[in-house]
Amino acid sequence: MEKYQKISREDFMGFFRDTEKINELTVNDRIEIFRTILVGNSDITADLLNEILEDYCVSNLEVIDRNDEKK
């Protein structure tokens, strides 16, 4: 296991808000972060996923909340 330098929350968030630094990450790095950053299944909602699709201009996909269909 690699030894990691401890960083503060502020440093961590600063890194991701720094365009130059974030561009140092590979596509695979970004996918890994995207897939693992949320705490649990309650964080993943149809609204959130649809907002992400909109943010990335993905117009050919839509997430439907199946719980809404049953109402």
PDB file of N, CA and C in Angstrom:
ATOM      1  N   MET A   1       0.841  -1.180   0.000  1.00  0.00           N
ATOM      2  CA  MET A   1       0.000   0.000   0.000  1.00  0.00           C
ATOM      3  C   MET A   1       0.886   1.242   0.000  1.00  0.00           C
ATOM      4  N   GLU A   2       0.522   2.188  -0.829  1.00  0.00           N
ATOM      5  CA  GLU A   2       1.288   3.431  -0.897  1.00  0.00           C
ATOM      6  C   GLU A   2       1.011   4.291   0.324  1.00  0.00           C
ATOM      7  N   LYS A   3       2.012   5.076   0.706  1.00  0.00           N
ATOM      8  CA  LYS A   3       1.805   6.051   1.767  1.00  0.00           C
ATOM      9  C   LYS A   3       1.253   7.321   1.134  1.00  0.00           C
ATOM     10  N   TYR A   4       0.221   7.857   1.728  1.00  0.00           N
ATOM     11  CA  TYR A   4      -0.393   9.062   1.206  1.00  0.00           C
ATOM     12  C   TYR A   4      -0.173  10.214   2.166  1.00  0.00           C
ATOM     13  N   GLN A   5       0.093  11.372   1.603  1.00  0.00           N
ATOM     14  CA  GLN A   5       0.211  12.582   2.409  1.00  0.00           C
ATOM     15  C   GLN A   5      -1.202  12.986   2.819  1.00  0.00           C
ATOM     16  N   LYS A   6      -1.372  13.319   4.073  1.00  0.00           N
ATOM     17  CA  LYS A   6      -2.680  13.777   4.521  1.00  0.00           C
ATOM     18  C   LYS A   6      -2.929  15.166   3.975  1.00  0.00           C
ATOM     19  N   ILE A   7      -4.123  15.356   3.426  1.00  0.00           N
ATOM     20  CA  ILE A   7      -4.506  16.680   2.935  1.00  0.00           C
ATOM     21  C   ILE A   7      -5.830  17.068   3.583  1.00  0.00           C
ATOM     22  N   SER A   8      -6.035  18.353   3.701  1.00  0.00           N
ATOM     23  CA  SER A   8      -7.271  18.843   4.298  1.00  0.00           C
ATOM     24  C   SER A   8      -8.396  18.799   3.272  1.00  0.00           C
ATOM     25  N   ARG A   9      -9.604  18.904   3.776  1.00  0.00           N
ATOM     26  CA  ARG A   9     -10.768  18.973   2.895  1.00  0.00           C
ATOM     27  C   ARG A   9     -10.632  20.174   1.954  1.00  0.00           C
ATOM     28  N   GLU A  10     -10.163  21.296   2.497  1.00  0.00           N
ATOM     29  CA  GLU A  10     -10.009  22.506   1.691  1.00  0.00           C
ATOM     30  C   GLU A  10      -9.011  22.294   0.554  1.00  0.00           C
ATOM     31  N   ASP A  11      -7.893  21.611   0.844  1.00  0.00           N
ATOM     32  CA  ASP A  11      -6.906  21.317  -0.204  1.00  0.00           C
ATOM     33  C   ASP A  11      -7.489  20.379  -1.246  1.00  0.00           C
ATOM     34  N   PHE A  12      -8.217  19.366  -0.777  1.00  0.00           N
ATOM     35  CA  PHE A  12      -8.835  18.396  -1.677  1.00  0.00           C
ATOM     36  C   PHE A  12      -9.801  19.094  -2.630  1.00  0.00           C
ATOM     37  N   MET A  13     -10.693  19.917  -2.078  1.00  0.00           N
ATOM     38  CA  MET A  13     -11.674  20.614  -2.900  1.00  0.00           C
ATOM     39  C   MET A  13     -10.998  21.647  -3.798  1.00  0.00           C
ATOM     40  N   GLY A  14      -9.953  22.284  -3.283  1.00  0.00           N
ATOM     41  CA  GLY A  14      -9.212  23.244  -4.093  1.00  0.00           C
ATOM     42  C   GLY A  14      -8.620  22.600  -5.333  1.00  0.00           C
ATOM     43  N   PHE A  15      -8.120  21.385  -5.173  1.00  0.00           N
ATOM     44  CA  PHE A  15      -7.572  20.657  -6.312  1.00  0.00           C
ATOM     45  C   PHE A  15      -8.632  20.475  -7.399  1.00  0.00           C
ATOM     46  N   PHE A  16      -9.821  20.033  -6.999  1.00  0.00           N
ATOM     47  CA  PHE A  16     -10.865  19.753  -7.986  1.00  0.00           C
ATOM     48  C   PHE A  16     -11.486  21.005  -8.571  1.00  0.00           C
ATOM     49  N   ARG A  17     -11.287  22.124  -7.925  1.00  0.00           N
ATOM     50  CA  ARG A  17     -11.806  23.389  -8.459  1.00  0.00           C
ATOM     51  C   ARG A  17     -10.760  24.118  -9.296  1.00  0.00           C
ATOM     52  N   ASP A  18      -9.557  23.580  -9.368  1.00  0.00           N
ATOM     53  CA  ASP A  18      -8.459  24.174 -10.131  1.00  0.00           C
ATOM     54  C   ASP A  18      -8.413  23.510 -11.510  1.00  0.00           C
ATOM     55  N   THR A  19      -8.788  24.259 -12.526  1.00  0.00           N
ATOM     56  CA  THR A  19      -8.874  23.708 -13.885  1.00  0.00           C
ATOM     57  C   THR A  19      -7.551  23.101 -14.340  1.00  0.00           C
ATOM     58  N   GLU A  20      -6.440  23.771 -14.051  1.00  0.00           N
ATOM     59  CA  GLU A  20      -5.136  23.231 -14.458  1.00  0.00           C
ATOM     60  C   GLU A  20      -4.859  21.894 -13.788  1.00  0.00           C
ATOM     61  N   LYS A  21      -5.122  21.806 -12.500  1.00  0.00           N
ATOM     62  CA  LYS A  21      -4.855  20.570 -11.757  1.00  0.00           C
ATOM     63  C   LYS A  21      -5.779  19.438 -12.206  1.00  0.00           C
ATOM     64  N   ILE A  22      -7.053  19.740 -12.364  1.00  0.00           N
ATOM     65  CA  ILE A  22      -7.996  18.686 -12.750  1.00  0.00           C
ATOM     66  C   ILE A  22      -7.653  18.142 -14.133  1.00  0.00           C
ATOM     67  N   ASN A  23      -7.077  18.979 -14.985  1.00  0.00           N
ATOM     68  CA  ASN A  23      -6.701  18.527 -16.322  1.00  0.00           C
ATOM     69  C   ASN A  23      -5.484  17.602 -16.311  1.00  0.00           C
ATOM     70  N   GLU A  24      -4.824  17.482 -15.161  1.00  0.00           N
ATOM     71  CA  GLU A  24      -3.722  16.525 -15.033  1.00  0.00           C
ATOM     72  C   GLU A  24      -4.231  15.094 -14.865  1.00  0.00           C
ATOM     73  N   LEU A  25      -5.506  14.941 -14.531  1.00  0.00           N
ATOM     74  CA  LEU A  25      -6.078  13.607 -14.347  1.00  0.00           C
ATOM     75  C   LEU A  25      -6.372  12.959 -15.694  1.00  0.00           C
ATOM     76  N   THR A  26      -6.191  11.657 -15.751  1.00  0.00           N
ATOM     77  CA  THR A  26      -6.524  10.919 -16.968  1.00  0.00           C
ATOM     78  C   THR A  26      -8.028  10.681 -17.023  1.00  0.00           C
ATOM     79  N   VAL A  27      -8.508  10.244 -18.160  1.00  0.00           N
ATOM     80  CA  VAL A  27      -9.918   9.874 -18.288  1.00  0.00           C
ATOM     81  C   VAL A  27     -10.253   8.773 -17.288  1.00  0.00           C
ATOM     82  N   ASN A  28      -9.378   7.790 -17.162  1.00  0.00           N
ATOM     83  CA  ASN A  28      -9.625   6.698 -16.211  1.00  0.00           C
ATOM     84  C   ASN A  28      -9.646   7.200 -14.766  1.00  0.00           C
ATOM     85  N   ASP A  29      -8.782   8.145 -14.428  1.00  0.00           N
ATOM     86  CA  ASP A  29      -8.804   8.752 -13.091  1.00  0.00           C
ATOM     87  C   ASP A  29     -10.173   9.380 -12.832  1.00  0.00           C
ATOM     88  N   ARG A  30     -10.647  10.118 -13.807  1.00  0.00           N
ATOM     89  CA  ARG A  30     -11.917  10.825 -13.657  1.00  0.00           C
ATOM     90  C   ARG A  30     -13.085   9.854 -13.524  1.00  0.00           C
ATOM     91  N   ILE A  31     -13.063   8.790 -14.298  1.00  0.00           N
ATOM     92  CA  ILE A  31     -14.124   7.780 -14.212  1.00  0.00           C
ATOM     93  C   ILE A  31     -14.101   7.115 -12.842  1.00  0.00           C
ATOM     94  N   GLU A  32     -12.911   6.800 -12.348  1.00  0.00           N
ATOM     95  CA  GLU A  32     -12.796   6.177 -11.022  1.00  0.00           C
ATOM     96  C   GLU A  32     -13.383   7.086  -9.947  1.00  0.00           C
ATOM     97  N   ILE A  33     -13.056   8.357  -9.999  1.00  0.00           N
ATOM     98  CA  ILE A  33     -13.587   9.307  -9.022  1.00  0.00           C
ATOM     99  C   ILE A  33     -15.100   9.407  -9.148  1.00  0.00           C
ATOM    100  N   PHE A  34     -15.581   9.541 -10.363  1.00  0.00           N
ATOM    101  CA  PHE A  34     -17.021   9.663 -10.613  1.00  0.00           C
ATOM    102  C   PHE A  34     -17.777   8.460 -10.065  1.00  0.00           C
ATOM    103  N   ARG A  35     -17.237   7.269 -10.266  1.00  0.00           N
ATOM    104  CA  ARG A  35     -17.924   6.045  -9.862  1.00  0.00           C
ATOM    105  C   ARG A  35     -17.861   5.775  -8.368  1.00  0.00           C
ATOM    106  N   THR A  36     -16.934   6.400  -7.653  1.00  0.00           N
ATOM    107  CA  THR A  36     -16.741   6.039  -6.246  1.00  0.00           C
ATOM    108  C   THR A  36     -16.974   7.157  -5.237  1.00  0.00           C
ATOM    109  N   ILE A  37     -17.232   8.362  -5.670  1.00  0.00           N
ATOM    110  CA  ILE A  37     -17.265   9.494  -4.753  1.00  0.00           C
ATOM    111  C   ILE A  37     -18.530   9.577  -3.910  1.00  0.00           C
ATOM    112  N   LEU A  38     -19.656   9.111  -4.412  1.00  0.00           N
ATOM    113  CA  LEU A  38     -20.895   9.206  -3.644  1.00  0.00           C
ATOM    114  C   LEU A  38     -20.900   8.196  -2.509  1.00  0.00           C
ATOM    115  N   VAL A  39     -21.586   8.539  -1.417  1.00  0.00           N
ATOM    116  CA  VAL A  39     -21.579   7.712  -0.214  1.00  0.00           C
ATOM    117  C   VAL A  39     -22.380   6.427  -0.383  1.00  0.00           C
ATOM    118  N   GLY A  40     -23.566   6.531  -0.954  1.00  0.00           N
ATOM    119  CA  GLY A  40     -24.403   5.342  -1.075  1.00  0.00           C
ATOM    120  C   GLY A  40     -25.536   5.519  -2.054  1.00  0.00           C
ATOM    121  N   ASN A  41     -26.418   4.498  -2.111  1.00  0.00           N
ATOM    122  CA  ASN A  41     -27.464   4.511  -3.121  1.00  0.00           C
ATOM    123  C   ASN A  41     -28.471   5.639  -2.933  1.00  0.00           C
ATOM    124  N   SER A  42     -28.605   6.153  -1.722  1.00  0.00           N
ATOM    125  CA  SER A  42     -29.549   7.261  -1.516  1.00  0.00           C
ATOM    126  C   SER A  42     -29.047   8.558  -2.160  1.00  0.00           C
ATOM    127  N   ASP A  43     -27.770   8.628  -2.490  1.00  0.00           N
ATOM    128  CA  ASP A  43     -27.210   9.813  -3.157  1.00  0.00           C
ATOM    129  C   ASP A  43     -27.519   9.829  -4.645  1.00  0.00           C
ATOM    130  N   ILE A  44     -27.848   8.671  -5.202  1.00  0.00           N
ATOM    131  CA  ILE A  44     -28.070   8.561  -6.641  1.00  0.00           C
ATOM    132  C   ILE A  44     -29.566   8.635  -6.908  1.00  0.00           C
ATOM    133  N   THR A  45     -29.971   9.725  -7.532  1.00  0.00           N
ATOM    134  CA  THR A  45     -31.381   9.932  -7.840  1.00  0.00           C
ATOM    135  C   THR A  45     -31.556  10.176  -9.330  1.00  0.00           C
ATOM    136  N   ALA A  46     -32.778  10.009  -9.801  1.00  0.00           N
ATOM    137  CA  ALA A  46     -33.075  10.293 -11.201  1.00  0.00           C
ATOM    138  C   ALA A  46     -32.784  11.757 -11.510  1.00  0.00           C
ATOM    139  N   ASP A  47     -33.153  12.648 -10.594  1.00  0.00           N
ATOM    140  CA  ASP A  47     -32.892  14.081 -10.811  1.00  0.00           C
ATOM    141  C   ASP A  47     -31.401  14.358 -10.961  1.00  0.00           C
ATOM    142  N   LEU A  48     -30.588  13.783 -10.067  1.00  0.00           N
ATOM    143  CA  LEU A  48     -29.138  13.994 -10.146  1.00  0.00           C
ATOM    144  C   LEU A  48     -28.581  13.468 -11.462  1.00  0.00           C
ATOM    145  N   LEU A  49     -28.965  12.260 -11.825  1.00  0.00           N
ATOM    146  CA  LEU A  49     -28.449  11.678 -13.065  1.00  0.00           C
ATOM    147  C   LEU A  49     -28.892  12.477 -14.283  1.00  0.00           C
ATOM    148  N   ASN A  50     -30.134  12.938 -14.282  1.00  0.00           N
ATOM    149  CA  ASN A  50     -30.599  13.762 -15.403  1.00  0.00           C
ATOM    150  C   ASN A  50     -29.870  15.101 -15.448  1.00  0.00           C
ATOM    151  N   GLU A  51     -29.550  15.679 -14.276  1.00  0.00           N
ATOM    152  CA  GLU A  51     -28.771  16.918 -14.246  1.00  0.00           C
ATOM    153  C   GLU A  51     -27.376  16.690 -14.816  1.00  0.00           C
ATOM    154  N   ILE A  52     -26.771  15.561 -14.487  1.00  0.00           N
ATOM    155  CA  ILE A  52     -25.443  15.238 -15.029  1.00  0.00           C
ATOM    156  C   ILE A  52     -25.517  15.094 -16.542  1.00  0.00           C
ATOM    157  N   LEU A  53     -26.536  14.398 -17.026  1.00  0.00           N
ATOM    158  CA  LEU A  53     -26.706  14.248 -18.473  1.00  0.00           C
ATOM    159  C   LEU A  53     -26.865  15.611 -19.142  1.00  0.00           C
ATOM    160  N   GLU A  54     -27.621  16.487 -18.515  1.00  0.00           N
ATOM    161  CA  GLU A  54     -27.809  17.834 -19.057  1.00  0.00           C
ATOM    162  C   GLU A  54     -26.494  18.619 -19.030  1.00  0.00           C
ATOM    163  N   ASP A  55     -25.754  18.525 -17.916  1.00  0.00           N
ATOM    164  CA  ASP A  55     -24.477  19.230 -17.796  1.00  0.00           C
ATOM    165  C   ASP A  55     -23.511  18.820 -18.903  1.00  0.00           C
ATOM    166  N   TYR A  56     -23.562  17.548 -19.316  1.00  0.00           N
ATOM    167  CA  TYR A  56     -22.655  17.040 -20.333  1.00  0.00           C
ATOM    168  C   TYR A  56     -23.285  17.028 -21.725  1.00  0.00           C
ATOM    169  N   CYS A  57     -24.443  17.667 -21.850  1.00  0.00           N
ATOM    170  CA  CYS A  57     -25.135  17.797 -23.146  1.00  0.00           C
ATOM    171  C   CYS A  57     -25.416  16.444 -23.785  1.00  0.00           C
ATOM    172  N   VAL A  58     -25.819  15.484 -22.958  1.00  0.00           N
ATOM    173  CA  VAL A  58     -26.196  14.160 -23.460  1.00  0.00           C
ATOM    174  C   VAL A  58     -27.706  14.202 -23.670  1.00  0.00           C
ATOM    175  N   SER A  59     -28.115  14.338 -24.934  1.00  0.00           N
ATOM    176  CA  SER A  59     -29.538  14.538 -25.212  1.00  0.00           C
ATOM    177  C   SER A  59     -30.259  13.246 -25.614  1.00  0.00           C
ATOM    178  N   ASN A  60     -29.518  12.167 -25.814  1.00  0.00           N
ATOM    179  CA  ASN A  60     -30.151  10.934 -26.269  1.00  0.00           C
ATOM    180  C   ASN A  60     -30.487   9.972 -25.134  1.00  0.00           C
ATOM    181  N   LEU A  61     -30.257  10.381 -23.885  1.00  0.00           N
ATOM    182  CA  LEU A  61     -30.550   9.533 -22.733  1.00  0.00           C
ATOM    183  C   LEU A  61     -31.406  10.293 -21.736  1.00  0.00           C
ATOM    184  N   GLU A  62     -32.231   9.535 -21.003  1.00  0.00           N
ATOM    185  CA  GLU A  62     -33.036  10.112 -19.937  1.00  0.00           C
ATOM    186  C   GLU A  62     -33.208   9.050 -18.863  1.00  0.00           C
ATOM    187  N   VAL A  63     -33.112   9.451 -17.600  1.00  0.00           N
ATOM    188  CA  VAL A  63     -33.302   8.546 -16.474  1.00  0.00           C
ATOM    189  C   VAL A  63     -34.730   8.737 -15.984  1.00  0.00           C
ATOM    190  N   ILE A  64     -35.438   7.626 -15.825  1.00  0.00           N
ATOM    191  CA  ILE A  64     -36.814   7.662 -15.351  1.00  0.00           C
ATOM    192  C   ILE A  64     -36.869   6.996 -13.982  1.00  0.00           C
ATOM    193  N   ASP A  65     -37.490   7.656 -13.039  1.00  0.00           N
ATOM    194  CA  ASP A  65     -37.636   7.119 -11.687  1.00  0.00           C
ATOM    195  C   ASP A  65     -38.822   6.159 -11.696  1.00  0.00           C
ATOM    196  N   ARG A  66     -38.554   4.880 -11.569  1.00  0.00           N
ATOM    197  CA  ARG A  66     -39.613   3.870 -11.638  1.00  0.00           C
ATOM    198  C   ARG A  66     -40.562   3.976 -10.451  1.00  0.00           C
ATOM    199  N   ASN A  67     -40.103   4.508  -9.321  1.00  0.00           N
ATOM    200  CA  ASN A  67     -41.003   4.721  -8.188  1.00  0.00           C
ATOM    201  C   ASN A  67     -42.097   5.714  -8.532  1.00  0.00           C
ATOM    202  N   ASP A  68     -41.780   6.708  -9.366  1.00  0.00           N
ATOM    203  CA  ASP A  68     -42.787   7.691  -9.787  1.00  0.00           C
ATOM    204  C   ASP A  68     -43.854   7.045 -10.659  1.00  0.00           C
ATOM    205  N   GLU A  69     -43.499   6.021 -11.438  1.00  0.00           N
ATOM    206  CA  GLU A  69     -44.440   5.344 -12.319  1.00  0.00           C
ATOM    207  C   GLU A  69     -45.531   4.620 -11.547  1.00  0.00           C
ATOM    208  N   LYS A  70     -45.212   4.148 -10.343  1.00  0.00           N
ATOM    209  CA  LYS A  70     -46.158   3.360  -9.551  1.00  0.00           C
ATOM    210  C   LYS A  70     -47.203   4.217  -8.854  1.00  0.00           C
ATOM    211  N   LYS A  71     -46.989   5.519  -8.812  1.00  0.00           N
ATOM    212  CA  LYS A  71     -47.915   6.416  -8.097  1.00  0.00           C
ATOM    213  C   LYS A  71     -49.136   6.718  -8.921  1.00  0.00           C
TER     214      LYS A  71
END
